Amino acid sequence: MATVPRSRAPRVVTWRPLREGDIAYVTALEAQIHVAPWTAGNFRDALAAGYSAQVAEREGRIVAFGVLMLGAGEAQLLNLSVVPDARREGLGGALLRRFLSDTLRLGALQVFLEVRVGNTAAIALYEREGFQGVARRAGYYPPGPDGVREDALVMRRDVGRNRIGGA
């Protein structure tokens, strides 16, 4: 008997702002994803401060989320997370490009972020989108399960009309 191959059609993703009612769920996801996760208070503070906070939903479930802080002439990507079973599907890049479009629209000239030096997948994503390493912060992140503090790579990208989407 022949088997029918699974459909490779892309599953629909809906993007929307993070809401107060999402915080408990996003905080639980964050705890599964990161060694030093954000707390519910961190997410609440980001919303209260008016930061750009986005989620991606697929089939009624949040599969990616992030927070971008905008300031005078610059922005800082504070959080960009994709749940493990939804990685390698382009969600991180799509969310990053959404945030980059926001920075351009709101007049930021540059965007900064910090990433664990050991997070090679994230660094590769950021480099594909035009970010470059500009500094390293020794022992920046709290100790992981191995008790070792990891360095942060500080990355920066100019924002310009010809730069959005990796062009």
C-alpha atoms as a PDB file:
ATOM      1  CA  MET A   1       0.000   0.000   0.000  1.00  0.00           C
ATOM      2  CA  ALA A   2       1.371   3.417  -0.968  1.00  0.00           C
ATOM      3  CA  THR A   3       1.753   6.140   1.602  1.00  0.00           C
ATOM      4  CA  VAL A   4       0.781   9.705   1.018  1.00  0.00           C
ATOM      5  CA  PRO A   5       3.657  12.108   1.654  1.00  0.00           C
ATOM      6  CA  ARG A   6       3.124  14.733   4.315  1.00  0.00           C
ATOM      7  CA  SER A   7       2.264  18.121   2.964  1.00  0.00           C
ATOM      8  CA  ARG A   8       5.142  20.565   2.937  1.00  0.00           C
ATOM      9  CA  ALA A   9       2.811  23.526   2.569  1.00  0.00           C
ATOM     10  CA  PRO A  10       3.803  26.351   4.897  1.00  0.00           C
ATOM     11  CA  ARG A  11       1.670  26.655   7.967  1.00  0.00           C
ATOM     12  CA  VAL A  12       0.073  30.054   8.394  1.00  0.00           C
ATOM     13  CA  VAL A  13       1.650  32.351  10.948  1.00  0.00           C
ATOM     14  CA  THR A  14      -0.168  35.363  12.385  1.00  0.00           C
ATOM     15  CA  TRP A  15       1.864  38.235  13.799  1.00  0.00           C
ATOM     16  CA  ARG A  16       0.457  40.457  16.511  1.00  0.00           C
ATOM     17  CA  PRO A  17       1.508  42.540  19.509  1.00  0.00           C
ATOM     18  CA  LEU A  18       2.265  40.742  22.763  1.00  0.00           C
ATOM     19  CA  ARG A  19      -0.631  41.214  25.198  1.00  0.00           C
ATOM     20  CA  GLU A  20      -0.808  41.115  28.974  1.00  0.00           C
ATOM     21  CA  GLY A  21      -2.768  37.853  28.729  1.00  0.00           C
ATOM     22  CA  ASP A  22       0.167  36.228  26.885  1.00  0.00           C
ATOM     23  CA  ILE A  23       2.734  36.881  29.593  1.00  0.00           C
ATOM     24  CA  ALA A  24       2.298  33.698  31.656  1.00  0.00           C
ATOM     25  CA  TYR A  25       2.541  31.509  28.555  1.00  0.00           C
ATOM     26  CA  VAL A  26       5.469  33.427  27.047  1.00  0.00           C
ATOM     27  CA  THR A  27       7.284  33.333  30.395  1.00  0.00           C
ATOM     28  CA  ALA A  28       6.875  29.534  30.496  1.00  0.00           C
ATOM     29  CA  LEU A  29       8.250  29.285  26.939  1.00  0.00           C
ATOM     30  CA  GLU A  30      11.115  31.596  27.871  1.00  0.00           C
ATOM     31  CA  ALA A  31      12.049  29.317  30.783  1.00  0.00           C
ATOM     32  CA  GLN A  32      12.267  26.359  28.379  1.00  0.00           C
ATOM     33  CA  ILE A  33      14.365  28.271  25.839  1.00  0.00           C
ATOM     34  CA  HIS A  34      16.903  30.295  27.828  1.00  0.00           C
ATOM     35  CA  VAL A  35      19.388  29.604  30.609  1.00  0.00           C
ATOM     36  CA  ALA A  36      18.700  33.066  32.055  1.00  0.00           C
ATOM     37  CA  PRO A  37      15.062  33.631  31.045  1.00  0.00           C
ATOM     38  CA  TRP A  38      13.082  36.803  31.295  1.00  0.00           C
ATOM     39  CA  THR A  39      10.551  36.881  34.111  1.00  0.00           C
ATOM     40  CA  ALA A  40       6.895  37.806  33.878  1.00  0.00           C
ATOM     41  CA  GLY A  41       7.926  41.118  35.432  1.00  0.00           C
ATOM     42  CA  ASN A  42      10.411  41.751  32.621  1.00  0.00           C
ATOM     43  CA  PHE A  43       7.681  41.279  30.024  1.00  0.00           C
ATOM     44  CA  ARG A  44       5.218  43.414  31.999  1.00  0.00           C
ATOM     45  CA  ASP A  45       7.803  46.180  32.330  1.00  0.00           C
ATOM     46  CA  ALA A  46       8.481  46.062  28.567  1.00  0.00           C
ATOM     47  CA  LEU A  47       4.766  46.442  27.827  1.00  0.00           C
ATOM     48  CA  ALA A  48       4.382  49.237  30.385  1.00  0.00           C
ATOM     49  CA  ALA A  49       7.355  51.085  28.870  1.00  0.00           C
ATOM     50  CA  GLY A  50       5.783  50.906  25.426  1.00  0.00           C
ATOM     51  CA  TYR A  51       8.447  48.702  23.840  1.00  0.00           C
ATOM     52  CA  SER A  52       7.596  46.943  20.619  1.00  0.00           C
ATOM     53  CA  ALA A  53       6.695  43.389  21.667  1.00  0.00           C
ATOM     54  CA  GLN A  54       5.517  40.897  19.046  1.00  0.00           C
ATOM     55  CA  VAL A  55       4.413  37.287  18.927  1.00  0.00           C
ATOM     56  CA  ALA A  56       3.932  34.832  16.093  1.00  0.00           C
ATOM     57  CA  GLU A  57       0.981  32.465  16.436  1.00  0.00           C
ATOM     58  CA  ARG A  58       0.440  29.322  14.479  1.00  0.00           C
ATOM     59  CA  GLU A  59      -2.543  27.034  14.968  1.00  0.00           C
ATOM     60  CA  GLY A  60      -3.502  28.986  18.097  1.00  0.00           C
ATOM     61  CA  ARG A  61      -0.075  28.621  19.717  1.00  0.00           C
ATOM     62  CA  ILE A  62       2.684  31.202  20.214  1.00  0.00           C
ATOM     63  CA  VAL A  63       5.772  29.939  18.377  1.00  0.00           C
ATOM     64  CA  ALA A  64       8.002  33.041  18.413  1.00  0.00           C
ATOM     65  CA  PHE A  65       8.206  36.290  20.333  1.00  0.00           C
ATOM     66  CA  GLY A  66      10.455  39.259  20.809  1.00  0.00           C
ATOM     67  CA  VAL A  67      10.915  42.680  22.356  1.00  0.00           C
ATOM     68  CA  LEU A  68      12.513  45.757  20.792  1.00  0.00           C
ATOM     69  CA  MET A  69      13.314  48.939  22.708  1.00  0.00           C
ATOM     70  CA  LEU A  70      13.337  52.166  20.696  1.00  0.00           C
ATOM     71  CA  GLY A  71      15.174  55.232  21.876  1.00  0.00           C
ATOM     72  CA  ALA A  72      16.503  58.480  20.449  1.00  0.00           C
ATOM     73  CA  GLY A  73      18.017  57.511  17.104  1.00  0.00           C
ATOM     74  CA  GLU A  74      18.631  53.882  17.983  1.00  0.00           C
ATOM     75  CA  ALA A  75      16.996  50.632  18.955  1.00  0.00           C
ATOM     76  CA  GLN A  76      18.029  47.628  20.979  1.00  0.00           C
ATOM     77  CA  LEU A  77      16.744  44.133  20.355  1.00  0.00           C
ATOM     78  CA  LEU A  78      16.157  42.831  23.874  1.00  0.00           C
ATOM     79  CA  ASN A  79      14.619  39.436  23.162  1.00  0.00           C
ATOM     80  CA  LEU A  80      14.080  37.292  20.079  1.00  0.00           C
ATOM     81  CA  SER A  81      12.965  33.729  20.766  1.00  0.00           C
ATOM     82  CA  VAL A  82      11.594  30.825  18.744  1.00  0.00           C
ATOM     83  CA  VAL A  83      10.212  27.707  20.417  1.00  0.00           C
ATOM     84  CA  PRO A  84      12.415  24.667  19.764  1.00  0.00           C
ATOM     85  CA  ASP A  85       9.939  22.727  17.613  1.00  0.00           C
ATOM     86  CA  ALA A  86       9.463  25.734  15.295  1.00  0.00           C
ATOM     87  CA  ARG A  87      13.119  26.552  14.675  1.00  0.00           C
ATOM     88  CA  ARG A  88      14.724  26.464  11.230  1.00  0.00           C
ATOM     89  CA  GLU A  89      11.452  27.616   9.642  1.00  0.00           C
ATOM     90  CA  GLY A  90      12.384  31.261   9.137  1.00  0.00           C
ATOM     91  CA  LEU A  91      10.400  32.631  12.076  1.00  0.00           C
ATOM     92  CA  GLY A  92      13.400  34.238  13.787  1.00  0.00           C
ATOM     93  CA  GLY A  93      14.412  35.993  10.579  1.00  0.00           C
ATOM     94  CA  ALA A  94      10.859  37.091   9.874  1.00  0.00           C
ATOM     95  CA  LEU A  95      10.497  38.575  13.368  1.00  0.00           C
ATOM     96  CA  LEU A  96      13.875  40.270  13.113  1.00  0.00           C
ATOM     97  CA  ARG A  97      12.914  41.852   9.770  1.00  0.00           C
ATOM     98  CA  ARG A  98       9.607  43.052  11.288  1.00  0.00           C
ATOM     99  CA  PHE A  99      11.558  44.768  14.055  1.00  0.00           C
ATOM    100  CA  LEU A 100      14.028  46.253  11.552  1.00  0.00           C
ATOM    101  CA  SER A 101      11.118  47.692   9.579  1.00  0.00           C
ATOM    102  CA  ASP A 102       9.789  49.237  12.802  1.00  0.00           C
ATOM    103  CA  THR A 103      13.166  50.842  13.511  1.00  0.00           C
ATOM    104  CA  LEU A 104      13.294  52.332  10.032  1.00  0.00           C
ATOM    105  CA  ARG A 105       9.712  53.606  10.194  1.00  0.00           C
ATOM    106  CA  LEU A 106      10.328  55.190  13.609  1.00  0.00           C
ATOM    107  CA  GLY A 107      13.574  56.875  12.621  1.00  0.00           C
ATOM    108  CA  ALA A 108      16.243  54.814  14.345  1.00  0.00           C
ATOM    109  CA  LEU A 109      19.676  55.048  12.721  1.00  0.00           C
ATOM    110  CA  GLN A 110      21.145  51.895  14.240  1.00  0.00           C
ATOM    111  CA  VAL A 111      20.149  48.733  16.092  1.00  0.00           C
ATOM    112  CA  PHE A 112      22.136  46.928  18.778  1.00  0.00           C
ATOM    113  CA  LEU A 113      21.750  43.497  20.352  1.00  0.00           C
ATOM    114  CA  GLU A 114      23.622  41.134  22.643  1.00  0.00           C
ATOM    115  CA  VAL A 115      23.881  37.408  21.988  1.00  0.00           C
ATOM    116  CA  ARG A 116      25.657  34.564  23.724  1.00  0.00           C
ATOM    117  CA  VAL A 117      28.932  33.855  21.943  1.00  0.00           C
ATOM    118  CA  GLY A 118      28.000  30.171  21.902  1.00  0.00           C
ATOM    119  CA  ASN A 119      24.690  30.772  20.115  1.00  0.00           C
ATOM    120  CA  THR A 120      26.108  30.274  16.633  1.00  0.00           C
ATOM    121  CA  ALA A 121      22.696  29.861  14.975  1.00  0.00           C
ATOM    122  CA  ALA A 122      21.528  33.246  16.261  1.00  0.00           C
ATOM    123  CA  ILE A 123      24.817  34.920  15.338  1.00  0.00           C
ATOM    124  CA  ALA A 124      24.533  33.517  11.799  1.00  0.00           C
ATOM    125  CA  LEU A 125      20.960  34.874  11.536  1.00  0.00           C
ATOM    126  CA  TYR A 126      22.030  38.317  12.708  1.00  0.00           C
ATOM    127  CA  GLU A 127      25.004  38.361  10.320  1.00  0.00           C
ATOM    128  CA  ARG A 128      22.724  37.407   7.402  1.00  0.00           C
ATOM    129  CA  GLU A 129      20.602  40.431   8.291  1.00  0.00           C
ATOM    130  CA  GLY A 130      23.585  42.784   8.262  1.00  0.00           C
ATOM    131  CA  PHE A 131      24.643  42.870  11.917  1.00  0.00           C
ATOM    132  CA  GLN A 132      28.339  42.965  12.762  1.00  0.00           C
ATOM    133  CA  GLY A 133      30.099  42.219  16.019  1.00  0.00           C
ATOM    134  CA  VAL A 134      31.375  45.408  17.650  1.00  0.00           C
ATOM    135  CA  ALA A 135      32.306  44.339  21.194  1.00  0.00           C
ATOM    136  CA  ARG A 136      32.450  41.425  23.598  1.00  0.00           C
ATOM    137  CA  ARG A 137      31.276  41.524  27.214  1.00  0.00           C
ATOM    138  CA  ALA A 138      33.198  39.001  29.291  1.00  0.00           C
ATOM    139  CA  GLY A 139      31.108  36.868  31.665  1.00  0.00           C
ATOM    140  CA  TYR A 140      27.987  38.855  30.816  1.00  0.00           C
ATOM    141  CA  TYR A 141      25.399  36.079  31.135  1.00  0.00           C
ATOM    142  CA  PRO A 142      24.583  34.318  34.420  1.00  0.00           C
ATOM    143  CA  PRO A 143      26.115  30.871  34.880  1.00  0.00           C
ATOM    144  CA  GLY A 144      24.508  28.031  32.964  1.00  0.00           C
ATOM    145  CA  PRO A 145      24.023  24.468  34.210  1.00  0.00           C
ATOM    146  CA  ASP A 146      27.783  23.954  33.912  1.00  0.00           C
ATOM    147  CA  GLY A 147      28.406  26.895  36.281  1.00  0.00           C
ATOM    148  CA  VAL A 148      30.218  28.909  33.608  1.00  0.00           C
ATOM    149  CA  ARG A 149      29.335  32.488  32.757  1.00  0.00           C
ATOM    150  CA  GLU A 150      29.169  33.049  29.024  1.00  0.00           C
ATOM    151  CA  ASP A 151      30.389  36.120  27.165  1.00  0.00           C
ATOM    152  CA  ALA A 152      28.038  38.305  25.132  1.00  0.00           C
ATOM    153  CA  LEU A 153      28.789  39.412  21.606  1.00  0.00           C
ATOM    154  CA  VAL A 154      27.474  42.946  21.052  1.00  0.00           C
ATOM    155  CA  MET A 155      26.270  43.355  17.483  1.00  0.00           C
ATOM    156  CA  ARG A 156      25.271  46.477  15.597  1.00  0.00           C
ATOM    157  CA  ARG A 157      23.555  47.264  12.346  1.00  0.00           C
ATOM    158  CA  ASP A 158      22.910  50.524  10.524  1.00  0.00           C
ATOM    159  CA  VAL A 159      19.307  51.000   9.523  1.00  0.00           C
ATOM    160  CA  GLY A 160      18.706  52.230   6.008  1.00  0.00           C
ATOM    161  CA  ARG A 161      16.127  51.744   3.289  1.00  0.00           C
ATOM    162  CA  ASN A 162      18.453  49.537   1.265  1.00  0.00           C
ATOM    163  CA  ARG A 163      19.278  47.317   4.242  1.00  0.00           C
ATOM    164  CA  ILE A 164      15.911  45.859   5.290  1.00  0.00           C
ATOM    165  CA  GLY A 165      15.455  42.213   4.348  1.00  0.00           C
ATOM    166  CA  GLY A 166      19.140  41.582   3.742  1.00  0.00           C
ATOM    167  CA  ALA A 167      19.235  43.536   0.462  1.00  0.00           C
END
